[in-house]
Protein backbone atom coordinates (compact mmCIF):
# COMPACT_ATOMS: atom_id res chain seq x y z
CA MET A 1 -18.71 -28.07 -28.85
CA SER A 2 -14.93 -27.73 -28.99
CA VAL A 3 -12.55 -28.66 -26.21
CA ALA A 4 -11.58 -25.02 -25.71
CA SER A 5 -15.18 -23.94 -25.13
CA THR A 6 -15.76 -26.70 -22.59
CA LEU A 7 -12.63 -25.72 -20.65
CA HIS A 8 -14.08 -22.27 -20.04
CA GLN A 9 -16.33 -23.72 -17.35
CA PHE A 10 -13.22 -24.50 -15.29
CA GLY A 11 -12.12 -20.86 -15.10
CA ASP A 12 -12.36 -20.82 -11.31
CA TRP A 13 -9.89 -23.69 -11.17
CA GLY A 14 -7.57 -21.64 -13.36
CA LEU A 15 -7.84 -18.71 -10.95
CA LEU A 16 -7.09 -21.07 -8.07
CA ALA A 17 -3.97 -22.29 -9.89
CA LEU A 18 -2.91 -18.69 -10.54
CA ARG A 19 -3.47 -17.76 -6.89
CA LEU A 20 -1.47 -20.77 -5.71
CA GLY A 21 1.40 -19.97 -8.05
CA VAL A 22 1.62 -16.25 -7.34
CA GLY A 23 0.99 -16.71 -3.61
CA THR A 24 3.64 -19.41 -3.24
CA VAL A 25 6.32 -17.34 -4.97
CA PHE A 26 5.60 -14.27 -2.84
CA LEU A 27 5.52 -16.38 0.32
CA VAL A 28 8.92 -17.92 -0.38
CA HIS A 29 10.56 -14.69 -1.53
CA GLY A 30 9.06 -12.69 1.32
CA ARG A 31 10.31 -15.17 3.89
CA GLU A 32 13.79 -15.00 2.38
CA LYS A 33 13.82 -11.27 3.12
CA ARG A 34 13.61 -11.98 6.87
CA ALA A 35 17.41 -12.15 6.85
CA MET A 36 17.40 -8.39 6.27
CA TRP A 37 16.44 -7.87 9.91
CA LYS A 38 19.92 -9.02 10.97
CA LEU A 39 21.80 -6.67 8.63
CA GLN A 40 23.05 -3.19 9.37
CA PRO A 41 23.04 -0.36 6.81
CA SER A 42 26.16 -0.26 4.64
CA ALA A 43 27.43 1.19 1.39
CA GLN A 44 26.02 -1.84 -0.45
CA MET A 45 22.73 -1.75 1.49
CA PRO A 46 21.73 1.82 2.42
CA ALA A 47 19.32 2.34 5.31
CA GLY A 48 16.40 3.24 3.02
CA VAL A 49 16.74 0.08 0.95
CA LEU A 50 17.16 -2.03 4.06
CA SER A 51 14.02 -0.52 5.61
CA LEU A 52 12.03 -1.21 2.44
CA LEU A 53 13.20 -4.83 2.36
CA ARG A 54 12.21 -5.24 6.00
CA VAL A 55 8.71 -3.95 5.25
CA LEU A 56 8.50 -6.34 2.28
CA SER A 57 9.60 -9.21 4.54
CA ILE A 58 6.29 -8.73 6.35
CA ALA A 59 3.99 -7.50 3.58
CA GLU A 60 4.85 -10.14 0.98
CA PRO A 61 4.16 -13.19 3.17
CA VAL A 62 0.96 -11.65 4.57
CA GLY A 63 -0.26 -10.86 1.06
CA ALA A 64 0.79 -14.31 -0.09
CA LEU A 65 -1.16 -16.08 2.65
CA ALA A 66 -4.20 -13.96 1.84
CA THR A 67 -3.83 -14.80 -1.86
CA LEU A 68 -3.43 -18.50 -1.17
CA ALA A 69 -6.63 -18.47 0.87
CA GLY A 70 -8.43 -16.21 -1.56
CA LEU A 71 -8.98 -13.57 1.13
CA LEU A 72 -8.87 -9.92 0.03
CA THR A 73 -7.21 -11.22 -3.12
CA GLN A 74 -7.61 -8.06 -5.17
CA ALA A 75 -6.10 -5.88 -2.43
CA ALA A 76 -3.14 -8.26 -2.10
CA ALA A 77 -2.76 -8.33 -5.89
CA ALA A 78 -2.67 -4.52 -5.99
CA GLY A 79 0.20 -4.63 -3.51
CA PHE A 80 1.99 -7.25 -5.58
CA VAL A 81 1.62 -5.08 -8.67
CA LEU A 82 3.37 -2.21 -6.86
CA VAL A 83 6.12 -4.49 -5.57
CA MET A 84 6.77 -5.92 -9.04
CA LEU A 85 6.78 -2.50 -10.70
CA GLY A 86 9.40 -1.45 -8.14
CA ALA A 87 11.45 -4.61 -8.71
CA ILE A 88 11.38 -4.15 -12.48
CA ARG A 89 12.31 -0.48 -12.14
CA LEU A 90 15.26 -1.44 -9.93
CA LYS A 91 16.52 -4.03 -12.40
CA VAL A 92 16.12 -1.76 -15.43
CA THR A 93 17.37 1.57 -14.08
CA GLN A 94 19.90 0.74 -11.39
CA MET A 95 21.07 -2.76 -12.25
CA ARG A 96 20.90 -2.14 -16.03
CA LYS A 97 19.43 -5.59 -16.72
CA GLY A 98 17.64 -6.56 -19.88
CA PHE A 99 14.42 -8.51 -20.12
CA THR A 100 16.22 -11.85 -20.57
CA GLY A 101 19.65 -13.16 -19.71
CA GLU A 102 21.56 -13.30 -16.47
CA GLY A 103 19.51 -11.51 -13.83
CA GLY A 104 16.89 -10.35 -16.33
CA TRP A 105 13.47 -9.17 -15.27
CA GLU A 106 11.30 -11.68 -17.15
CA PHE A 107 10.39 -13.45 -13.88
CA GLU A 108 9.31 -10.20 -12.26
CA PHE A 109 7.29 -9.39 -15.39
CA LEU A 110 5.50 -12.73 -15.19
CA LEU A 111 4.60 -12.10 -11.54
CA LEU A 112 3.41 -8.60 -12.47
CA VAL A 113 1.11 -10.00 -15.16
CA GLY A 114 -0.22 -12.67 -12.78
CA ALA A 115 -0.91 -10.04 -10.13
CA ILE A 116 -2.68 -7.83 -12.68
CA ALA A 117 -4.86 -10.77 -13.70
CA LEU A 118 -5.81 -11.41 -10.06
CA LEU A 119 -6.45 -7.70 -9.53
CA PHE A 120 -8.94 -7.57 -12.40
CA LEU A 121 -10.46 -11.07 -12.16
CA GLY A 122 -10.52 -11.61 -8.40
CA ALA A 123 -10.10 -14.91 -6.64
CA GLY A 124 -12.92 -16.85 -8.27
CA LYS A 125 -15.49 -19.11 -6.64
CA LEU A 126 -12.96 -21.31 -4.83
CA ALA A 127 -11.95 -18.64 -2.33
CA LEU A 128 -12.78 -17.09 1.01
CA ASP A 129 -13.64 -13.85 -0.81
CA ARG A 130 -16.67 -15.62 -2.28
CA LEU A 131 -17.74 -17.13 1.05
CA LEU A 132 -17.26 -14.01 3.15
CA PHE A 133 -17.97 -11.14 0.77
CA GLY A 134 -19.79 -12.72 -2.16
CA ILE A 135 -17.16 -11.55 -4.65
């Protein structure tokens, strides 16, 4: 039996690591958006963008805490997928950023892929989803 085939049995630990990574990033970045509640709309920050950032300042940390605990992980991951698609769209279309380089969207892409993995794979056995819902 090869090392790679024996590592497969630790897949739930891999999902836990993925949840902790994705959840931590969204928790930190969501909390940073709380500063948007003190701002007023301006030419640099139109009212619509400011409102969206305020919603994300609540939704991202809530989704992150759920992901960290493994509670409703796939629902939170679906939200993260939408957030990351929006962030990538913003960087590509409005900010004219490439994939790599200063201000590139490779980080957002990595979070998108992690969220997609959680969406399809779920939280794994080491999660509240398994205890509460059997998934």
